[in-house]
């Protein structure tokens, strides 16, 4: 099924797509990535790493990390862009924090990387297709795409998020963590392309 067949082309349909995608994004972080110390890029995954130092919920940290990026986005794309992005940031943050009340879906890091990566790819696809972002590296990638229009958005996300994933291996003192994070990013990027 095509995006337009499900959500339509109206502004309300696009906001629905952003909302569904943002909730899926939060679920991927809260149920798969955070409990397994997997950080496949994005502000939310930087929040997973920062959470090891500051005991604040990943969703709340994600919202704080996104503030300076939102200011840049407003200057670049205007206030209209801001509403749907802030909606996505809040819904994904609240969804990720809500997941703290439930056990992780799996403690198998391979399954968590695969399921979380697939879910994150679907979520980013919905949000980006609706003309918005989930904040964080989505904004950074869109800024880079404006400068390098010949590169695919998914390729830019893969590069930026890959750097964060490699950093997670250092933060968690685990090369294995970085590999699981890279696997999740790769899968998310492939799903996003579809």
N, C-alpha and C. Protein backbone atom coordinates (compact mmCIF):
# COMPACT_ATOMS: atom_id res chain seq x y z
N UNK A 1 0.82 -1.18 0.00
CA UNK A 1 0.00 0.00 0.00
C UNK A 1 0.87 1.25 0.00
N UNK A 2 0.43 2.24 -0.71
CA UNK A 2 1.19 3.48 -0.78
C UNK A 2 0.81 4.42 0.36
N UNK A 3 1.73 5.30 0.69
CA UNK A 3 1.55 6.26 1.78
C UNK A 3 0.26 7.05 1.62
N UNK A 4 0.02 7.57 0.41
CA UNK A 4 -1.15 8.41 0.17
C UNK A 4 -2.45 7.65 0.34
N UNK A 5 -2.45 6.35 0.05
CA UNK A 5 -3.66 5.54 0.20
C UNK A 5 -4.04 5.38 1.67
N UNK A 6 -3.05 5.37 2.54
CA UNK A 6 -3.31 5.19 3.97
C UNK A 6 -3.60 6.53 4.64
N UNK A 7 -2.75 7.52 4.41
CA UNK A 7 -2.84 8.79 5.13
C UNK A 7 -3.44 9.94 4.32
N UNK A 8 -3.53 9.78 3.02
CA UNK A 8 -4.05 10.86 2.19
C UNK A 8 -3.02 11.96 2.01
N UNK A 9 -3.45 13.04 1.38
CA UNK A 9 -2.54 14.16 1.11
C UNK A 9 -2.89 15.39 1.94
N UNK A 10 -3.92 15.29 2.76
CA UNK A 10 -4.36 16.45 3.54
C UNK A 10 -3.39 16.72 4.69
N UNK A 11 -3.38 17.94 5.21
CA UNK A 11 -2.53 18.25 6.37
C UNK A 11 -2.85 17.36 7.58
N UNK A 12 -4.12 17.05 7.79
CA UNK A 12 -4.47 16.19 8.93
C UNK A 12 -3.94 14.77 8.73
N UNK A 13 -3.96 14.29 7.49
CA UNK A 13 -3.41 12.96 7.19
C UNK A 13 -1.91 12.92 7.43
N UNK A 14 -1.24 14.01 7.06
CA UNK A 14 0.20 14.09 7.28
C UNK A 14 0.53 14.15 8.78
N UNK A 15 -0.28 14.89 9.54
CA UNK A 15 -0.07 14.94 10.99
C UNK A 15 -0.31 13.57 11.62
N UNK A 16 -1.29 12.83 11.10
CA UNK A 16 -1.53 11.47 11.60
C UNK A 16 -0.32 10.59 11.31
N UNK A 17 0.25 10.71 10.12
CA UNK A 17 1.45 9.93 9.77
C UNK A 17 2.61 10.28 10.68
N UNK A 18 2.80 11.57 10.95
CA UNK A 18 3.86 12.01 11.85
C UNK A 18 3.64 11.42 13.24
N UNK A 19 2.39 11.45 13.71
CA UNK A 19 2.07 10.95 15.05
C UNK A 19 2.33 9.45 15.16
N UNK A 20 1.86 8.69 14.19
CA UNK A 20 2.07 7.23 14.20
C UNK A 20 3.56 6.92 14.12
N UNK A 21 4.25 7.59 13.22
CA UNK A 21 5.68 7.37 13.08
C UNK A 21 6.44 7.72 14.35
N UNK A 22 6.07 8.81 15.00
CA UNK A 22 6.76 9.24 16.23
C UNK A 22 6.55 8.23 17.36
N UNK A 23 5.33 7.70 17.48
CA UNK A 23 5.07 6.70 18.52
C UNK A 23 5.89 5.43 18.23
N UNK A 24 5.93 5.01 16.97
CA UNK A 24 6.76 3.84 16.61
C UNK A 24 8.23 4.09 16.94
N UNK A 25 8.69 5.31 16.68
CA UNK A 25 10.08 5.67 16.99
C UNK A 25 10.35 5.52 18.48
N UNK A 26 9.45 6.06 19.30
CA UNK A 26 9.59 5.96 20.75
C UNK A 26 9.57 4.51 21.23
N UNK A 27 8.72 3.69 20.62
CA UNK A 27 8.66 2.28 20.99
C UNK A 27 9.95 1.55 20.63
N UNK A 28 10.53 1.90 19.48
CA UNK A 28 11.79 1.24 19.09
C UNK A 28 12.89 1.55 20.10
N UNK A 29 12.91 2.80 20.58
CA UNK A 29 13.92 3.19 21.57
C UNK A 29 13.62 2.57 22.92
N UNK A 30 12.39 2.70 23.38
CA UNK A 30 12.04 2.27 24.74
C UNK A 30 11.94 0.78 24.95
N UNK A 31 11.52 0.04 23.93
CA UNK A 31 11.33 -1.40 24.09
C UNK A 31 12.49 -2.25 23.58
N UNK A 32 13.28 -1.69 22.66
CA UNK A 32 14.35 -2.49 22.06
C UNK A 32 15.75 -1.93 22.34
N UNK A 33 15.97 -0.64 22.03
CA UNK A 33 17.32 -0.10 22.10
C UNK A 33 17.79 0.21 23.52
N UNK A 34 17.06 1.02 24.25
CA UNK A 34 17.50 1.45 25.59
C UNK A 34 17.74 0.28 26.54
N UNK A 35 16.84 -0.70 26.62
CA UNK A 35 17.08 -1.80 27.56
C UNK A 35 18.28 -2.67 27.21
N UNK A 36 18.72 -2.59 25.96
CA UNK A 36 19.83 -3.43 25.51
C UNK A 36 21.09 -2.62 25.21
N UNK A 37 21.12 -1.34 25.63
CA UNK A 37 22.27 -0.46 25.41
C UNK A 37 22.70 -0.40 23.95
N UNK A 38 21.71 -0.34 23.07
CA UNK A 38 21.97 -0.21 21.64
C UNK A 38 21.67 1.24 21.27
N UNK A 39 22.60 1.88 20.59
CA UNK A 39 22.46 3.31 20.26
C UNK A 39 22.62 3.55 18.77
N UNK A 40 21.57 3.26 18.00
CA UNK A 40 21.70 3.44 16.55
C UNK A 40 21.42 4.86 16.08
N UNK A 41 22.17 5.77 16.60
CA UNK A 41 22.11 7.15 16.13
C UNK A 41 20.89 7.90 16.62
N UNK A 42 20.81 9.13 16.18
CA UNK A 42 19.70 9.98 16.56
C UNK A 42 19.88 10.58 17.94
N UNK A 43 19.13 11.65 18.18
CA UNK A 43 19.19 12.31 19.49
C UNK A 43 18.74 11.36 20.59
N UNK A 44 17.77 10.50 20.27
CA UNK A 44 17.28 9.55 21.28
C UNK A 44 18.37 8.58 21.70
N UNK A 45 19.21 8.22 20.80
CA UNK A 45 20.27 7.26 21.14
C UNK A 45 21.45 7.95 21.80
N UNK A 46 21.65 9.23 21.50
CA UNK A 46 22.60 10.01 22.28
C UNK A 46 22.08 10.08 23.72
N UNK A 47 20.77 10.21 23.86
CA UNK A 47 20.14 10.25 25.19
C UNK A 47 20.36 8.94 25.94
N UNK A 48 20.33 7.81 25.23
CA UNK A 48 20.59 6.50 25.87
C UNK A 48 22.00 6.51 26.46
N UNK A 49 22.97 7.09 25.73
CA UNK A 49 24.34 7.14 26.23
C UNK A 49 24.46 8.12 27.40
N UNK A 50 23.83 9.30 27.28
CA UNK A 50 23.89 10.30 28.34
C UNK A 50 23.20 9.78 29.60
N UNK A 51 22.19 8.94 29.42
CA UNK A 51 21.45 8.37 30.55
C UNK A 51 22.34 7.55 31.47
N UNK A 52 23.46 7.07 30.97
CA UNK A 52 24.39 6.33 31.84
C UNK A 52 25.04 7.26 32.86
N UNK A 53 25.06 8.58 32.57
CA UNK A 53 25.65 9.57 33.47
C UNK A 53 24.57 10.31 34.25
N UNK A 54 23.51 10.74 33.54
CA UNK A 54 22.40 11.47 34.15
C UNK A 54 21.17 10.57 34.21
N UNK A 55 20.68 10.26 35.40
CA UNK A 55 19.53 9.36 35.49
C UNK A 55 18.20 10.07 35.19
N UNK A 56 18.06 10.51 33.95
CA UNK A 56 16.83 11.14 33.47
C UNK A 56 16.31 10.23 32.36
N UNK A 57 15.00 10.16 32.18
CA UNK A 57 14.43 9.32 31.13
C UNK A 57 14.97 9.66 29.75
N UNK A 58 15.10 8.63 28.92
CA UNK A 58 15.63 8.83 27.57
C UNK A 58 14.78 9.81 26.77
N UNK A 59 13.46 9.73 26.93
CA UNK A 59 12.57 10.63 26.20
C UNK A 59 12.78 12.08 26.59
N UNK A 60 12.91 12.33 27.88
CA UNK A 60 13.14 13.71 28.36
C UNK A 60 14.48 14.24 27.88
N UNK A 61 15.52 13.42 27.95
CA UNK A 61 16.84 13.84 27.46
C UNK A 61 16.81 14.13 25.96
N UNK A 62 16.06 13.31 25.23
CA UNK A 62 15.95 13.51 23.78
C UNK A 62 15.36 14.89 23.48
N UNK A 63 14.33 15.24 24.24
CA UNK A 63 13.72 16.56 24.02
C UNK A 63 14.70 17.68 24.32
N UNK A 64 15.52 17.53 25.35
CA UNK A 64 16.52 18.56 25.68
C UNK A 64 17.60 18.66 24.61
N UNK A 65 18.05 17.52 24.11
CA UNK A 65 19.10 17.51 23.08
C UNK A 65 18.59 18.17 21.79
N UNK A 66 17.30 18.04 21.53
CA UNK A 66 16.72 18.58 20.30
C UNK A 66 16.54 20.09 20.29
N UNK A 67 16.55 20.74 21.45
CA UNK A 67 16.28 22.18 21.50
C UNK A 67 17.18 23.01 20.58
N UNK A 68 18.52 22.87 20.65
CA UNK A 68 19.34 23.70 19.76
C UNK A 68 19.12 23.38 18.28
N UNK A 69 18.84 22.11 17.98
CA UNK A 69 18.60 21.73 16.58
C UNK A 69 17.29 22.33 16.08
N UNK A 70 16.31 22.44 16.95
CA UNK A 70 15.03 23.06 16.56
C UNK A 70 15.21 24.54 16.23
N UNK A 71 16.05 25.20 16.98
CA UNK A 71 16.30 26.62 16.70
C UNK A 71 16.91 26.77 15.31
N UNK A 72 17.86 25.90 14.99
CA UNK A 72 18.47 25.93 13.65
C UNK A 72 17.43 25.64 12.59
N UNK A 73 16.55 24.66 12.85
CA UNK A 73 15.52 24.29 11.88
C UNK A 73 14.54 25.43 11.63
N UNK A 74 14.18 26.15 12.69
CA UNK A 74 13.27 27.29 12.53
C UNK A 74 13.91 28.35 11.63
N UNK A 75 15.18 28.61 11.86
CA UNK A 75 15.87 29.61 11.05
C UNK A 75 15.97 29.16 9.59
N UNK A 76 16.12 27.88 9.36
CA UNK A 76 16.29 27.36 8.00
C UNK A 76 14.95 27.15 7.27
N UNK A 77 13.96 26.54 7.95
CA UNK A 77 12.72 26.15 7.27
C UNK A 77 11.47 26.85 7.77
N UNK A 78 11.57 27.64 8.80
CA UNK A 78 10.42 28.41 9.27
C UNK A 78 9.57 27.68 10.31
N UNK A 79 8.55 28.40 10.76
CA UNK A 79 7.70 27.93 11.86
C UNK A 79 6.79 26.78 11.47
N UNK A 80 6.39 26.70 10.22
CA UNK A 80 5.48 25.62 9.79
C UNK A 80 6.13 24.26 10.01
N UNK A 81 7.39 24.18 9.68
CA UNK A 81 8.16 22.95 9.87
C UNK A 81 8.23 22.60 11.36
N UNK A 82 8.28 23.62 12.20
CA UNK A 82 8.47 23.43 13.63
C UNK A 82 7.34 22.63 14.27
N UNK A 83 6.10 22.93 13.93
CA UNK A 83 4.97 22.29 14.60
C UNK A 83 5.01 20.77 14.49
N UNK A 84 5.15 20.26 13.29
CA UNK A 84 5.13 18.80 13.11
C UNK A 84 6.38 18.15 13.70
N UNK A 85 7.50 18.83 13.67
CA UNK A 85 8.72 18.27 14.26
C UNK A 85 8.62 18.24 15.78
N UNK A 86 8.11 19.31 16.37
CA UNK A 86 7.93 19.32 17.83
C UNK A 86 6.93 18.24 18.24
N UNK A 87 5.86 18.08 17.47
CA UNK A 87 4.89 17.01 17.74
C UNK A 87 5.59 15.66 17.73
N UNK A 88 6.42 15.43 16.72
CA UNK A 88 7.14 14.15 16.62
C UNK A 88 8.10 13.96 17.79
N UNK A 89 8.81 15.00 18.17
CA UNK A 89 9.76 14.91 19.28
C UNK A 89 9.03 14.59 20.59
N UNK A 90 7.93 15.30 20.83
CA UNK A 90 7.19 15.07 22.08
C UNK A 90 6.58 13.67 22.11
N UNK A 91 5.92 13.26 21.02
CA UNK A 91 5.30 11.94 21.00
C UNK A 91 6.32 10.82 21.11
N UNK A 92 7.46 10.96 20.43
CA UNK A 92 8.48 9.90 20.52
C UNK A 92 9.10 9.88 21.91
N UNK A 93 9.31 11.07 22.49
CA UNK A 93 9.89 11.14 23.83
C UNK A 93 8.97 10.55 24.89
N UNK A 94 7.69 10.91 24.84
CA UNK A 94 6.72 10.39 25.80
C UNK A 94 6.56 8.88 25.61
N UNK A 95 6.52 8.42 24.37
CA UNK A 95 6.40 6.98 24.10
C UNK A 95 7.60 6.21 24.64
N UNK A 96 8.80 6.75 24.44
CA UNK A 96 10.01 6.09 24.95
C UNK A 96 9.99 6.03 26.48
N UNK A 97 9.63 7.14 27.13
CA UNK A 97 9.57 7.15 28.59
C UNK A 97 8.48 6.23 29.12
N UNK A 98 7.35 6.15 28.42
CA UNK A 98 6.25 5.27 28.83
C UNK A 98 6.68 3.81 28.84
N UNK A 99 7.58 3.45 27.94
CA UNK A 99 8.05 2.07 27.84
C UNK A 99 8.82 1.62 29.07
N UNK A 100 9.28 2.57 29.89
CA UNK A 100 10.00 2.22 31.13
C UNK A 100 9.13 1.43 32.09
N UNK A 101 7.81 1.53 31.93
CA UNK A 101 6.88 0.80 32.81
C UNK A 101 6.71 -0.66 32.39
N UNK A 102 7.32 -1.04 31.28
CA UNK A 102 7.19 -2.40 30.76
C UNK A 102 8.56 -3.05 30.62
N UNK A 103 8.61 -4.36 30.69
CA UNK A 103 9.90 -5.02 30.47
C UNK A 103 10.29 -4.94 28.99
N UNK A 104 11.59 -5.07 28.73
CA UNK A 104 12.06 -5.10 27.34
C UNK A 104 11.40 -6.26 26.61
N UNK A 105 11.17 -6.08 25.34
CA UNK A 105 10.56 -7.15 24.54
C UNK A 105 11.48 -8.36 24.50
N UNK A 106 12.78 -8.11 24.42
CA UNK A 106 13.76 -9.19 24.40
C UNK A 106 15.07 -8.70 25.03
N UNK A 107 15.80 -9.64 25.61
CA UNK A 107 17.14 -9.29 26.09
C UNK A 107 18.21 -9.84 25.15
N UNK A 108 17.78 -10.39 24.03
CA UNK A 108 18.68 -10.84 22.98
C UNK A 108 19.03 -9.62 22.13
N UNK A 109 20.27 -9.19 22.20
CA UNK A 109 20.67 -7.94 21.53
C UNK A 109 20.56 -8.02 20.01
N UNK A 110 20.76 -9.18 19.45
CA UNK A 110 20.61 -9.33 17.99
C UNK A 110 19.16 -9.10 17.59
N UNK A 111 18.23 -9.74 18.30
CA UNK A 111 16.82 -9.54 18.00
C UNK A 111 16.39 -8.10 18.24
N UNK A 112 16.91 -7.50 19.32
CA UNK A 112 16.59 -6.10 19.62
C UNK A 112 17.09 -5.18 18.51
N UNK A 113 18.29 -5.43 18.01
CA UNK A 113 18.85 -4.61 16.92
C UNK A 113 18.02 -4.76 15.65
N UNK A 114 17.62 -5.98 15.34
CA UNK A 114 16.84 -6.23 14.12
C UNK A 114 15.43 -5.65 14.23
N UNK A 115 14.73 -5.98 15.31
CA UNK A 115 13.35 -5.50 15.47
C UNK A 115 13.32 -3.98 15.65
N UNK A 116 14.20 -3.47 16.49
CA UNK A 116 14.24 -2.03 16.71
C UNK A 116 14.64 -1.28 15.45
N UNK A 117 15.61 -1.81 14.70
CA UNK A 117 16.04 -1.17 13.45
C UNK A 117 14.94 -1.14 12.42
N UNK A 118 14.21 -2.24 12.29
CA UNK A 118 13.09 -2.28 11.35
C UNK A 118 12.00 -1.30 11.74
N UNK A 119 11.65 -1.28 13.03
CA UNK A 119 10.60 -0.37 13.51
C UNK A 119 11.04 1.08 13.36
N UNK A 120 12.31 1.37 13.63
CA UNK A 120 12.80 2.73 13.49
C UNK A 120 12.78 3.17 12.02
N UNK A 121 13.11 2.26 11.11
CA UNK A 121 13.07 2.58 9.69
C UNK A 121 11.66 2.93 9.22
N UNK A 122 10.68 2.15 9.68
CA UNK A 122 9.28 2.43 9.35
C UNK A 122 8.87 3.78 9.91
N UNK A 123 9.26 4.03 11.17
CA UNK A 123 8.86 5.28 11.82
C UNK A 123 9.46 6.49 11.11
N UNK A 124 10.74 6.44 10.81
CA UNK A 124 11.39 7.56 10.12
C UNK A 124 10.81 7.74 8.72
N UNK A 125 10.51 6.64 8.06
CA UNK A 125 9.90 6.71 6.74
C UNK A 125 8.57 7.44 6.76
N UNK A 126 7.72 7.12 7.74
CA UNK A 126 6.43 7.79 7.86
C UNK A 126 6.59 9.29 8.12
N UNK A 127 7.46 9.61 9.08
CA UNK A 127 7.64 11.01 9.47
C UNK A 127 8.26 11.82 8.34
N UNK A 128 9.30 11.31 7.72
CA UNK A 128 9.97 12.04 6.63
C UNK A 128 9.06 12.16 5.41
N UNK A 129 8.29 11.11 5.12
CA UNK A 129 7.37 11.14 3.97
C UNK A 129 6.29 12.19 4.16
N UNK A 130 5.94 12.44 5.44
CA UNK A 130 4.93 13.46 5.74
C UNK A 130 5.54 14.86 5.74
N UNK A 131 6.83 14.98 5.43
CA UNK A 131 7.48 16.28 5.34
C UNK A 131 7.98 16.83 6.65
N UNK A 132 8.17 15.96 7.63
CA UNK A 132 8.63 16.40 8.94
C UNK A 132 9.91 15.64 9.31
N UNK A 133 10.33 15.78 10.56
CA UNK A 133 11.46 15.01 11.07
C UNK A 133 11.15 14.60 12.51
N UNK A 134 11.96 13.69 13.03
CA UNK A 134 11.85 13.31 14.44
C UNK A 134 12.87 14.11 15.25
N UNK A 135 13.43 15.14 14.64
CA UNK A 135 14.45 15.95 15.31
C UNK A 135 15.81 15.31 15.16
N UNK A 136 16.74 15.74 15.98
CA UNK A 136 18.08 15.13 16.05
C UNK A 136 18.77 15.03 14.71
N UNK A 137 19.22 13.82 14.40
CA UNK A 137 20.01 13.61 13.19
C UNK A 137 19.17 13.75 11.92
N UNK A 138 17.83 13.65 12.03
CA UNK A 138 17.00 13.92 10.86
C UNK A 138 17.19 15.37 10.41
N UNK A 139 17.24 16.28 11.37
CA UNK A 139 17.45 17.70 11.05
C UNK A 139 18.85 17.89 10.49
N UNK A 140 19.85 17.29 11.13
CA UNK A 140 21.23 17.40 10.66
C UNK A 140 21.35 16.86 9.23
N UNK A 141 20.71 15.72 8.96
CA UNK A 141 20.77 15.12 7.62
C UNK A 141 20.08 15.98 6.58
N UNK A 142 18.96 16.57 6.95
CA UNK A 142 18.26 17.47 6.00
C UNK A 142 19.11 18.70 5.71
N UNK A 143 19.80 19.22 6.72
CA UNK A 143 20.70 20.36 6.49
C UNK A 143 21.84 19.96 5.55
N UNK A 144 22.40 18.77 5.76
CA UNK A 144 23.46 18.29 4.87
C UNK A 144 22.94 18.04 3.46
N UNK A 145 21.70 17.56 3.36
CA UNK A 145 21.13 17.29 2.03
C UNK A 145 20.95 18.58 1.25
N UNK A 146 20.64 19.67 1.95
CA UNK A 146 20.52 20.97 1.27
C UNK A 146 21.85 21.37 0.65
N UNK A 147 22.94 20.98 1.32
CA UNK A 147 24.28 21.31 0.81
C UNK A 147 24.75 20.30 -0.23
N UNK A 148 24.35 19.03 -0.06
CA UNK A 148 24.76 17.95 -0.98
C UNK A 148 23.51 17.26 -1.52
N UNK A 149 22.77 17.90 -2.43
CA UNK A 149 21.49 17.35 -2.89
C UNK A 149 21.61 16.05 -3.67
N UNK A 150 22.78 15.70 -4.13
CA UNK A 150 22.95 14.47 -4.89
C UNK A 150 22.96 13.23 -3.98
N UNK A 151 23.11 13.42 -2.67
CA UNK A 151 23.12 12.30 -1.74
C UNK A 151 21.71 12.01 -1.24
N UNK A 152 21.38 10.72 -1.09
CA UNK A 152 20.08 10.33 -0.56
C UNK A 152 20.01 10.67 0.92
N UNK A 153 18.82 11.00 1.38
CA UNK A 153 18.62 11.31 2.79
C UNK A 153 18.98 10.10 3.65
N UNK A 154 18.63 8.90 3.19
CA UNK A 154 18.94 7.70 3.98
C UNK A 154 20.45 7.48 4.09
N UNK A 155 21.21 7.85 3.05
CA UNK A 155 22.67 7.72 3.10
C UNK A 155 23.26 8.70 4.12
N UNK A 156 22.75 9.92 4.12
CA UNK A 156 23.23 10.91 5.08
C UNK A 156 22.89 10.49 6.51
N UNK A 157 21.68 9.97 6.71
CA UNK A 157 21.30 9.47 8.04
C UNK A 157 22.22 8.33 8.46
N UNK A 158 22.55 7.45 7.52
CA UNK A 158 23.43 6.32 7.81
C UNK A 158 24.81 6.81 8.27
N UNK A 159 25.33 7.83 7.63
CA UNK A 159 26.65 8.36 7.99
C UNK A 159 26.62 9.02 9.36
N UNK A 160 25.67 9.92 9.56
CA UNK A 160 25.59 10.66 10.84
C UNK A 160 25.31 9.69 11.99
N UNK A 161 24.34 8.80 11.80
CA UNK A 161 24.00 7.85 12.85
C UNK A 161 25.12 6.83 13.08
N UNK A 162 25.86 6.51 12.02
CA UNK A 162 27.00 5.59 12.17
C UNK A 162 28.06 6.15 13.10
N UNK A 163 28.30 7.45 13.00
CA UNK A 163 29.27 8.08 13.90
C UNK A 163 28.80 7.97 15.35
N UNK A 164 27.50 8.18 15.58
CA UNK A 164 26.95 8.06 16.94
C UNK A 164 27.07 6.61 17.42
N UNK A 165 26.79 5.65 16.54
CA UNK A 165 26.87 4.24 16.92
C UNK A 165 28.29 3.86 17.32
N UNK A 166 29.26 4.32 16.56
CA UNK A 166 30.65 4.03 16.90
C UNK A 166 31.02 4.65 18.24
N UNK A 167 30.50 5.84 18.50
CA UNK A 167 30.74 6.50 19.79
C UNK A 167 30.14 5.67 20.93
N UNK A 168 29.00 5.03 20.68
CA UNK A 168 28.37 4.23 21.72
C UNK A 168 29.26 3.07 22.15
N UNK A 169 30.04 2.55 21.23
CA UNK A 169 30.98 1.48 21.58
C UNK A 169 32.01 1.95 22.59
N UNK A 170 32.40 3.22 22.48
CA UNK A 170 33.35 3.80 23.44
C UNK A 170 32.66 4.07 24.77
N UNK A 171 31.47 4.69 24.72
CA UNK A 171 30.74 5.04 25.94
C UNK A 171 30.42 3.80 26.77
N UNK A 172 29.92 2.77 26.10
CA UNK A 172 29.54 1.54 26.82
C UNK A 172 30.72 0.57 26.95
N UNK A 173 31.89 1.00 26.48
CA UNK A 173 33.10 0.17 26.53
C UNK A 173 32.85 -1.22 25.94
N UNK A 174 32.22 -1.21 24.77
CA UNK A 174 31.85 -2.47 24.15
C UNK A 174 31.83 -2.35 22.63
N UNK A 175 32.83 -2.92 21.96
CA UNK A 175 32.79 -2.93 20.50
C UNK A 175 31.55 -3.68 19.99
N UNK A 176 31.10 -4.65 20.78
CA UNK A 176 29.90 -5.41 20.42
C UNK A 176 28.68 -4.48 20.35
N UNK A 177 28.60 -3.54 21.30
CA UNK A 177 27.51 -2.57 21.30
C UNK A 177 27.51 -1.77 20.01
N UNK A 178 28.68 -1.31 19.60
CA UNK A 178 28.79 -0.54 18.36
C UNK A 178 28.34 -1.37 17.16
N UNK A 179 28.69 -2.64 17.15
CA UNK A 179 28.30 -3.51 16.03
C UNK A 179 26.78 -3.71 15.97
N UNK A 180 26.15 -3.94 17.12
CA UNK A 180 24.69 -4.08 17.15
C UNK A 180 24.03 -2.77 16.73
N UNK A 181 24.59 -1.66 17.16
CA UNK A 181 24.06 -0.35 16.79
C UNK A 181 24.18 -0.13 15.28
N UNK A 182 25.33 -0.48 14.72
CA UNK A 182 25.52 -0.35 13.27
C UNK A 182 24.56 -1.25 12.49
N UNK A 183 24.31 -2.46 13.00
CA UNK A 183 23.36 -3.36 12.37
C UNK A 183 21.96 -2.74 12.36
N UNK A 184 21.56 -2.17 13.49
CA UNK A 184 20.24 -1.53 13.58
C UNK A 184 20.15 -0.35 12.62
N UNK A 185 21.22 0.43 12.51
CA UNK A 185 21.23 1.57 11.60
C UNK A 185 21.12 1.11 10.15
N UNK A 186 21.88 0.08 9.81
CA UNK A 186 21.85 -0.43 8.44
C UNK A 186 20.45 -0.89 8.07
N UNK A 187 19.82 -1.66 8.96
CA UNK A 187 18.47 -2.16 8.69
C UNK A 187 17.48 -1.00 8.61
N UNK A 188 17.59 -0.05 9.53
CA UNK A 188 16.71 1.12 9.52
C UNK A 188 16.84 1.89 8.21
N UNK A 189 18.07 2.05 7.73
CA UNK A 189 18.32 2.76 6.49
C UNK A 189 17.69 2.04 5.30
N UNK A 190 17.80 0.71 5.28
CA UNK A 190 17.23 -0.06 4.17
C UNK A 190 15.70 0.00 4.19
N UNK A 191 15.12 -0.08 5.38
CA UNK A 191 13.65 0.01 5.49
C UNK A 191 13.21 1.42 5.08
N UNK A 192 13.95 2.43 5.51
CA UNK A 192 13.64 3.82 5.15
C UNK A 192 13.66 3.99 3.63
N UNK A 193 14.60 3.39 2.94
CA UNK A 193 14.68 3.48 1.48
C UNK A 193 13.42 2.92 0.81
N UNK A 194 12.83 1.90 1.41
CA UNK A 194 11.64 1.28 0.83
C UNK A 194 10.43 2.13 1.05
